[in-house]
All heavy atoms as atom14 arrays in JSON, in Angstrom:
{
  "sequence": "QKIGSKVRVTVYGLRNKIERYEGLLYKIYPNIFTIL",
  "atom14_mask": [
    [1, 1, 1, 1, 1, 1, 1, 1, 1, 0, 0, 0, 0, 0],
    [1, 1, 1, 1, 1, 1, 1, 1, 1, 0, 0, 0, 0, 0],
    [1, 1, 1, 1, 1, 1, 1, 1, 0, 0, 0, 0, 0, 0],
    [1, 1, 1, 1, 0, 0, 0, 0, 0, 0, 0, 0, 0, 0],
    [1, 1, 1, 1, 1, 1, 0, 0, 0, 0, 0, 0, 0, 0],
    [1, 1, 1, 1, 1, 1, 1, 1, 1, 0, 0, 0, 0, 0],
    [1, 1, 1, 1, 1, 1, 1, 0, 0, 0, 0, 0, 0, 0],
    [1, 1, 1, 1, 1, 1, 1, 1, 1, 1, 1, 0, 0, 0],
    [1, 1, 1, 1, 1, 1, 1, 0, 0, 0, 0, 0, 0, 0],
    [1, 1, 1, 1, 1, 1, 1, 0, 0, 0, 0, 0, 0, 0],
    [1, 1, 1, 1, 1, 1, 1, 0, 0, 0, 0, 0, 0, 0],
    [1, 1, 1, 1, 1, 1, 1, 1, 1, 1, 1, 1, 0, 0],
    [1, 1, 1, 1, 0, 0, 0, 0, 0, 0, 0, 0, 0, 0],
    [1, 1, 1, 1, 1, 1, 1, 1, 0, 0, 0, 0, 0, 0],
    [1, 1, 1, 1, 1, 1, 1, 1, 1, 1, 1, 0, 0, 0],
    [1, 1, 1, 1, 1, 1, 1, 1, 0, 0, 0, 0, 0, 0],
    [1, 1, 1, 1, 1, 1, 1, 1, 1, 0, 0, 0, 0, 0],
    [1, 1, 1, 1, 1, 1, 1, 1, 0, 0, 0, 0, 0, 0],
    [1, 1, 1, 1, 1, 1, 1, 1, 1, 0, 0, 0, 0, 0],
    [1, 1, 1, 1, 1, 1, 1, 1, 1, 1, 1, 0, 0, 0],
    [1, 1, 1, 1, 1, 1, 1, 1, 1, 1, 1, 1, 0, 0],
    [1, 1, 1, 1, 1, 1, 1, 1, 1, 0, 0, 0, 0, 0],
    [1, 1, 1, 1, 0, 0, 0, 0, 0, 0, 0, 0, 0, 0],
    [1, 1, 1, 1, 1, 1, 1, 1, 0, 0, 0, 0, 0, 0],
    [1, 1, 1, 1, 1, 1, 1, 1, 0, 0, 0, 0, 0, 0],
    [1, 1, 1, 1, 1, 1, 1, 1, 1, 1, 1, 1, 0, 0],
    [1, 1, 1, 1, 1, 1, 1, 1, 1, 0, 0, 0, 0, 0],
    [1, 1, 1, 1, 1, 1, 1, 1, 0, 0, 0, 0, 0, 0],
    [1, 1, 1, 1, 1, 1, 1, 1, 1, 1, 1, 1, 0, 0],
    [1, 1, 1, 1, 1, 1, 1, 0, 0, 0, 0, 0, 0, 0],
    [1, 1, 1, 1, 1, 1, 1, 1, 0, 0, 0, 0, 0, 0],
    [1, 1, 1, 1, 1, 1, 1, 1, 0, 0, 0, 0, 0, 0],
    [1, 1, 1, 1, 1, 1, 1, 1, 1, 1, 1, 0, 0, 0],
    [1, 1, 1, 1, 1, 1, 1, 0, 0, 0, 0, 0, 0, 0],
    [1, 1, 1, 1, 1, 1, 1, 1, 0, 0, 0, 0, 0, 0],
    [1, 1, 1, 1, 1, 1, 1, 1, 0, 0, 0, 0, 0, 0]
  ],
  "atom14_positions": [
    [[5.76, 49.07, -26.19], [5.3, 50.42, -25.86], [5.95, 51.48, -26.75], [5.48, 52.61, -26.81], [5.6, 50.73, -24.39], [4.84, 49.86, -23.43], [5.28, 50.06, -21.99], [6.24, 50.76, -21.71], [4.57, 49.42, -21.07], [0.0, 0.0, 0.0], [0.0, 0.0, 0.0], [0.0, 0.0, 0.0], [0.0, 0.0, 0.0], [0.0, 0.0, 0.0]],
    [[7.04, 51.12, -27.43], [7.8, 52.1, -28.2], [7.74, 51.86, -29.71], [8.55, 52.4, -30.45], [9.27, 52.06, -27.77], [9.5, 52.27, -26.3], [9.56, 53.72, -25.96], [9.96, 53.87, -24.5], [10.38, 55.18, -24.17], [0.0, 0.0, 0.0], [0.0, 0.0, 0.0], [0.0, 0.0, 0.0], [0.0, 0.0, 0.0], [0.0, 0.0, 0.0]],
    [[6.78, 51.07, -30.19], [6.67, 50.82, -31.63], [6.52, 52.15, -32.36], [5.76, 53.01, -31.95], [5.49, 49.88, -31.95], [5.81, 48.46, -31.48], [5.16, 49.87, -33.44], [4.71, 47.46, -31.71], [0.0, 0.0, 0.0], [0.0, 0.0, 0.0], [0.0, 0.0, 0.0], [0.0, 0.0, 0.0], [0.0, 0.0, 0.0], [0.0, 0.0, 0.0]],
    [[7.27, 52.3, -33.44], [7.25, 53.54, -34.21], [8.3, 54.54, -33.77], [8.5, 55.55, -34.44], [0.0, 0.0, 0.0], [0.0, 0.0, 0.0], [0.0, 0.0, 0.0], [0.0, 0.0, 0.0], [0.0, 0.0, 0.0], [0.0, 0.0, 0.0], [0.0, 0.0, 0.0], [0.0, 0.0, 0.0], [0.0, 0.0, 0.0], [0.0, 0.0, 0.0]],
    [[8.98, 54.27, -32.67], [10.02, 55.17, -32.17], [11.34, 54.94, -32.91], [11.6, 53.85, -33.41], [10.26, 54.94, -30.68], [9.1, 55.18, -29.94], [0.0, 0.0, 0.0], [0.0, 0.0, 0.0], [0.0, 0.0, 0.0], [0.0, 0.0, 0.0], [0.0, 0.0, 0.0], [0.0, 0.0, 0.0], [0.0, 0.0, 0.0], [0.0, 0.0, 0.0]],
    [[12.16, 55.96, -32.93], [13.48, 55.84, -33.54], [14.41, 55.16, -32.54], [14.43, 55.5, -31.35], [14.01, 57.22, -33.9], [15.23, 57.17, -34.76], [15.55, 58.53, -35.34], [16.75, 58.38, -36.26], [17.1, 59.64, -36.89], [0.0, 0.0, 0.0], [0.0, 0.0, 0.0], [0.0, 0.0, 0.0], [0.0, 0.0, 0.0], [0.0, 0.0, 0.0]],
    [[15.17, 54.17, -33.02], [16.08, 53.41, -32.17], [17.44, 53.26, -32.83], [17.58, 53.36, -34.05], [15.53, 52.0, -31.84], [14.28, 52.06, -31.02], [15.32, 51.18, -33.08], [0.0, 0.0, 0.0], [0.0, 0.0, 0.0], [0.0, 0.0, 0.0], [0.0, 0.0, 0.0], [0.0, 0.0, 0.0], [0.0, 0.0, 0.0], [0.0, 0.0, 0.0]],
    [[18.43, 53.02, -32.0], [19.77, 52.65, -32.48], [20.07, 51.28, -31.88], [20.07, 51.11, -30.66], [20.82, 53.64, -32.04], [22.23, 53.21, -32.52], [23.33, 54.13, -32.03], [23.09, 55.48, -32.5], [23.21, 56.55, -31.72], [23.58, 56.44, -30.47], [22.97, 57.75, -32.2], [0.0, 0.0, 0.0], [0.0, 0.0, 0.0], [0.0, 0.0, 0.0]],
    [[20.34, 50.32, -32.75], [20.68, 48.97, -32.31], [22.17, 48.76, -32.58], [22.63, 48.92, -33.71], [19.85, 47.89, -33.04], [20.25, 46.5, -32.6], [18.36, 48.11, -32.81], [0.0, 0.0, 0.0], [0.0, 0.0, 0.0], [0.0, 0.0, 0.0], [0.0, 0.0, 0.0], [0.0, 0.0, 0.0], [0.0, 0.0, 0.0], [0.0, 0.0, 0.0]],
    [[22.9, 48.44, -31.53], [24.33, 48.15, -31.65], [24.52, 46.66, -31.48], [24.08, 46.08, -30.48], [25.12, 48.9, -30.56], [24.81, 50.29, -30.64], [26.61, 48.72, -30.74], [0.0, 0.0, 0.0], [0.0, 0.0, 0.0], [0.0, 0.0, 0.0], [0.0, 0.0, 0.0], [0.0, 0.0, 0.0], [0.0, 0.0, 0.0], [0.0, 0.0, 0.0]],
    [[25.15, 46.03, -32.47], [25.37, 44.59, -32.48], [26.84, 44.32, -32.22], [27.7, 44.8, -32.95], [24.95, 43.96, -33.83], [25.18, 42.46, -33.81], [23.51, 44.3, -34.15], [0.0, 0.0, 0.0], [0.0, 0.0, 0.0], [0.0, 0.0, 0.0], [0.0, 0.0, 0.0], [0.0, 0.0, 0.0], [0.0, 0.0, 0.0], [0.0, 0.0, 0.0]],
    [[27.12, 43.57, -31.16], [28.49, 43.21, -30.81], [28.76, 41.83, -31.36], [28.27, 40.83, -30.85], [28.68, 43.24, -29.29], [28.37, 44.59, -28.7], [27.16, 44.83, -28.06], [29.28, 45.63, -28.81], [26.86, 46.09, -27.54], [28.99, 46.89, -28.31], [27.78, 47.1, -27.66], [27.49, 48.35, -27.17], [0.0, 0.0, 0.0], [0.0, 0.0, 0.0]],
    [[29.55, 41.76, -32.43], [29.8, 40.5, -33.12], [31.13, 39.87, -32.72], [31.75, 40.26, -31.73], [0.0, 0.0, 0.0], [0.0, 0.0, 0.0], [0.0, 0.0, 0.0], [0.0, 0.0, 0.0], [0.0, 0.0, 0.0], [0.0, 0.0, 0.0], [0.0, 0.0, 0.0], [0.0, 0.0, 0.0], [0.0, 0.0, 0.0], [0.0, 0.0, 0.0]],
    [[31.52, 38.93, -33.52], [32.78, 38.22, -33.28], [33.97, 39.1, -33.63], [33.87, 40.01, -34.44], [32.82, 36.95, -34.13], [31.72, 35.94, -33.84], [31.77, 34.8, -34.84], [31.84, 35.41, -32.43], [0.0, 0.0, 0.0], [0.0, 0.0, 0.0], [0.0, 0.0, 0.0], [0.0, 0.0, 0.0], [0.0, 0.0, 0.0], [0.0, 0.0, 0.0]],
    [[35.08, 38.82, -33.0], [36.35, 39.53, -33.25], [36.21, 41.04, -33.08], [36.7, 41.82, -33.88], [36.89, 39.19, -34.62], [37.23, 37.74, -34.76], [37.87, 37.46, -36.07], [38.17, 36.05, -36.18], [38.35, 35.42, -37.3], [38.25, 36.07, -38.44], [38.63, 34.14, -37.31], [0.0, 0.0, 0.0], [0.0, 0.0, 0.0], [0.0, 0.0, 0.0]],
    [[35.48, 41.43, -32.05], [35.28, 42.85, -31.71], [34.64, 43.67, -32.83], [34.83, 44.88, -32.91], [36.6, 43.49, -31.29], [37.13, 42.86, -30.03], [36.37, 42.45, -29.16], [38.45, 42.77, -29.92], [0.0, 0.0, 0.0], [0.0, 0.0, 0.0], [0.0, 0.0, 0.0], [0.0, 0.0, 0.0], [0.0, 0.0, 0.0], [0.0, 0.0, 0.0]],
    [[33.9, 43.01, -33.7], [33.2, 43.71, -34.77], [31.9, 44.3, -34.2], [31.13, 43.61, -33.56], [32.88, 42.75, -35.91], [32.22, 43.39, -37.08], [31.98, 42.39, -38.19], [31.27, 43.07, -39.34], [30.91, 42.1, -40.37], [0.0, 0.0, 0.0], [0.0, 0.0, 0.0], [0.0, 0.0, 0.0], [0.0, 0.0, 0.0], [0.0, 0.0, 0.0]],
    [[31.7, 45.58, -34.45], [30.51, 46.27, -33.96], [29.77, 46.87, -35.15], [30.37, 47.55, -35.98], [30.88, 47.38, -32.96], [31.56, 46.78, -31.73], [29.64, 48.17, -32.55], [32.08, 47.81, -30.75], [0.0, 0.0, 0.0], [0.0, 0.0, 0.0], [0.0, 0.0, 0.0], [0.0, 0.0, 0.0], [0.0, 0.0, 0.0], [0.0, 0.0, 0.0]],
    [[28.46, 46.58, -35.23], [27.62, 47.15, -36.28], [26.52, 47.97, -35.61], [25.99, 47.57, -34.58], [26.99, 46.05, -37.12], [27.99, 45.21, -37.88], [27.32, 44.1, -38.67], [26.13, 44.21, -38.99], [28.0, 43.11, -38.95], [0.0, 0.0, 0.0], [0.0, 0.0, 0.0], [0.0, 0.0, 0.0], [0.0, 0.0, 0.0], [0.0, 0.0, 0.0]],
    [[26.18, 49.11, -36.23], [25.12, 49.96, -35.68], [24.05, 50.2, -36.74], [24.38, 50.44, -37.91], [25.71, 51.29, -35.22], [26.55, 51.15, -33.99], [27.03, 52.5, -33.47], [27.78, 52.34, -32.23], [29.07, 52.06, -32.16], [29.77, 51.92, -33.27], [29.66, 51.93, -30.99], [0.0, 0.0, 0.0], [0.0, 0.0, 0.0], [0.0, 0.0, 0.0]],
    [[22.82, 50.14, -36.31], [21.69, 50.38, -37.19], [20.77, 51.4, -36.52], [20.42, 51.24, -35.36], [20.89, 49.09, -37.44], [21.72, 47.97, -38.02], [22.2, 46.96, -37.2], [22.01, 47.92, -39.37], [22.95, 45.94, -37.71], [22.76, 46.89, -39.9], [23.23, 45.9, -39.07], [23.98, 44.88, -39.58], [0.0, 0.0, 0.0], [0.0, 0.0, 0.0]],
    [[20.39, 52.43, -37.25], [19.41, 53.4, -36.76], [18.18, 53.32, -37.64], [18.3, 53.34, -38.86], [19.97, 54.83, -36.79], [20.86, 55.13, -35.64], [21.2, 56.61, -35.54], [20.42, 57.45, -36.04], [22.24, 56.91, -34.96], [0.0, 0.0, 0.0], [0.0, 0.0, 0.0], [0.0, 0.0, 0.0], [0.0, 0.0, 0.0], [0.0, 0.0, 0.0]],
    [[17.05, 53.2, -37.02], [15.8, 53.12, -37.78], [14.62, 53.18, -36.85], [14.74, 53.56, -35.68], [0.0, 0.0, 0.0], [0.0, 0.0, 0.0], [0.0, 0.0, 0.0], [0.0, 0.0, 0.0], [0.0, 0.0, 0.0], [0.0, 0.0, 0.0], [0.0, 0.0, 0.0], [0.0, 0.0, 0.0], [0.0, 0.0, 0.0], [0.0, 0.0, 0.0]],
    [[13.46, 52.81, -37.38], [12.24, 52.82, -36.6], [11.93, 51.42, -36.08], [12.06, 50.45, -36.82], [11.07, 53.3, -37.46], [11.12, 54.73, -37.94], [9.92, 55.04, -38.83], [11.16, 55.69, -36.78], [0.0, 0.0, 0.0], [0.0, 0.0, 0.0], [0.0, 0.0, 0.0], [0.0, 0.0, 0.0], [0.0, 0.0, 0.0], [0.0, 0.0, 0.0]],
    [[11.54, 51.34, -34.83], [11.06, 50.08, -34.28], [9.79, 49.74, -35.03], [8.82, 50.49, -34.99], [10.81, 50.2, -32.78], [10.41, 48.95, -32.04], [11.45, 47.85, -32.22], [10.21, 49.24, -30.57], [0.0, 0.0, 0.0], [0.0, 0.0, 0.0], [0.0, 0.0, 0.0], [0.0, 0.0, 0.0], [0.0, 0.0, 0.0], [0.0, 0.0, 0.0]],
    [[9.78, 48.62, -35.74], [8.76, 48.36, -36.75], [7.71, 47.35, -36.31], [6.54, 47.65, -36.28], [9.46, 47.95, -38.04], [8.6, 47.9, -39.25], [7.87, 49.01, -39.65], [8.52, 46.76, -40.03], [7.08, 48.98, -40.78], [7.75, 46.72, -41.16], [7.02, 47.82, -41.54], [6.24, 47.78, -42.65], [0.0, 0.0, 0.0], [0.0, 0.0, 0.0]],
    [[8.14, 46.13, -35.99], [7.19, 45.08, -35.64], [7.71, 44.26, -34.45], [8.91, 44.14, -34.25], [6.95, 44.13, -36.81], [6.24, 44.79, -37.98], [6.0, 43.8, -39.08], [5.33, 44.48, -40.26], [5.2, 43.57, -41.4], [0.0, 0.0, 0.0], [0.0, 0.0, 0.0], [0.0, 0.0, 0.0], [0.0, 0.0, 0.0], [0.0, 0.0, 0.0]],
    [[6.76, 43.69, -33.72], [7.07, 42.85, -32.57], [6.5, 41.45, -32.85], [5.32, 41.32, -33.19], [6.43, 43.42, -31.28], [6.92, 44.84, -31.01], [6.68, 42.51, -30.1], [8.37, 44.96, -30.64], [0.0, 0.0, 0.0], [0.0, 0.0, 0.0], [0.0, 0.0, 0.0], [0.0, 0.0, 0.0], [0.0, 0.0, 0.0], [0.0, 0.0, 0.0]],
    [[7.32, 40.44, -32.72], [6.91, 39.04, -32.9], [7.2, 38.28, -31.61], [7.87, 38.81, -30.72], [7.67, 38.41, -34.07], [7.37, 39.05, -35.41], [8.25, 39.94, -36.0], [6.2, 38.75, -36.08], [7.98, 40.52, -37.22], [5.91, 39.31, -37.32], [6.8, 40.2, -37.89], [6.54, 40.77, -39.11], [0.0, 0.0, 0.0], [0.0, 0.0, 0.0]],
    [[6.73, 37.03, -31.5], [6.96, 36.28, -30.25], [8.43, 36.13, -29.84], [8.75, 36.19, -28.66], [6.33, 34.92, -30.53], [5.27, 35.21, -31.54], [5.83, 36.31, -32.4], [0.0, 0.0, 0.0], [0.0, 0.0, 0.0], [0.0, 0.0, 0.0], [0.0, 0.0, 0.0], [0.0, 0.0, 0.0], [0.0, 0.0, 0.0], [0.0, 0.0, 0.0]],
    [[9.34, 35.95, -30.8], [10.74, 35.72, -30.46], [11.7, 36.78, -30.97], [12.86, 36.79, -30.58], [11.19, 34.35, -30.99], [10.45, 33.23, -30.32], [10.31, 33.2, -29.11], [9.95, 32.3, -31.12], [0.0, 0.0, 0.0], [0.0, 0.0, 0.0], [0.0, 0.0, 0.0], [0.0, 0.0, 0.0], [0.0, 0.0, 0.0], [0.0, 0.0, 0.0]],
    [[11.23, 37.64, -31.86], [12.1, 38.66, -32.45], [11.36, 39.99, -32.55], [10.14, 40.05, -32.43], [12.61, 38.26, -33.85], [11.44, 38.12, -34.82], [13.47, 37.01, -33.8], [11.85, 38.0, -36.27], [0.0, 0.0, 0.0], [0.0, 0.0, 0.0], [0.0, 0.0, 0.0], [0.0, 0.0, 0.0], [0.0, 0.0, 0.0], [0.0, 0.0, 0.0]],
    [[12.12, 41.05, -32.78], [11.56, 42.34, -33.14], [12.32, 42.84, -34.36], [13.43, 42.4, -34.65], [11.65, 43.34, -31.98], [13.04, 43.71, -31.57], [13.65, 44.85, -32.05], [13.74, 42.91, -30.68], [14.94, 45.19, -31.67], [15.03, 43.24, -30.28], [15.63, 44.38, -30.78], [0.0, 0.0, 0.0], [0.0, 0.0, 0.0], [0.0, 0.0, 0.0]],
    [[11.68, 43.73, -35.12], [12.32, 44.24, -36.33], [12.39, 45.75, -36.28], [11.57, 46.41, -35.64], [11.56, 43.81, -37.6], [10.27, 44.38, -37.59], [11.47, 42.31, -37.73], [0.0, 0.0, 0.0], [0.0, 0.0, 0.0], [0.0, 0.0, 0.0], [0.0, 0.0, 0.0], [0.0, 0.0, 0.0], [0.0, 0.0, 0.0], [0.0, 0.0, 0.0]],
    [[13.39, 46.28, -36.98], [13.47, 47.72, -37.19], [13.48, 47.95, -38.7], [13.89, 47.08, -39.47], [14.7, 48.37, -36.52], [16.0, 47.89, -37.16], [14.71, 48.12, -35.04], [17.21, 48.72, -36.74], [0.0, 0.0, 0.0], [0.0, 0.0, 0.0], [0.0, 0.0, 0.0], [0.0, 0.0, 0.0], [0.0, 0.0, 0.0], [0.0, 0.0, 0.0]],
    [[13.0, 49.1, -39.1], [13.02, 49.5, -40.5], [14.27, 50.34, -40.7], [14.4, 51.44, -40.16], [11.75, 50.29, -40.84], [11.42, 50.48, -42.3], [11.3, 49.14, -43.01], [10.13, 51.26, -42.44], [0.0, 0.0, 0.0], [0.0, 0.0, 0.0], [0.0, 0.0, 0.0], [0.0, 0.0, 0.0], [0.0, 0.0, 0.0], [0.0, 0.0, 0.0]]
  ]
}
């Protein structure tokens, strides 16, 4: 419902590593979604 919207994805990795990505919700697939 939100394709094309601006999103912030926060990834909680190993050893308390945190990565953040801001972009547009781009495509929806059966098992994954992508942002630009």
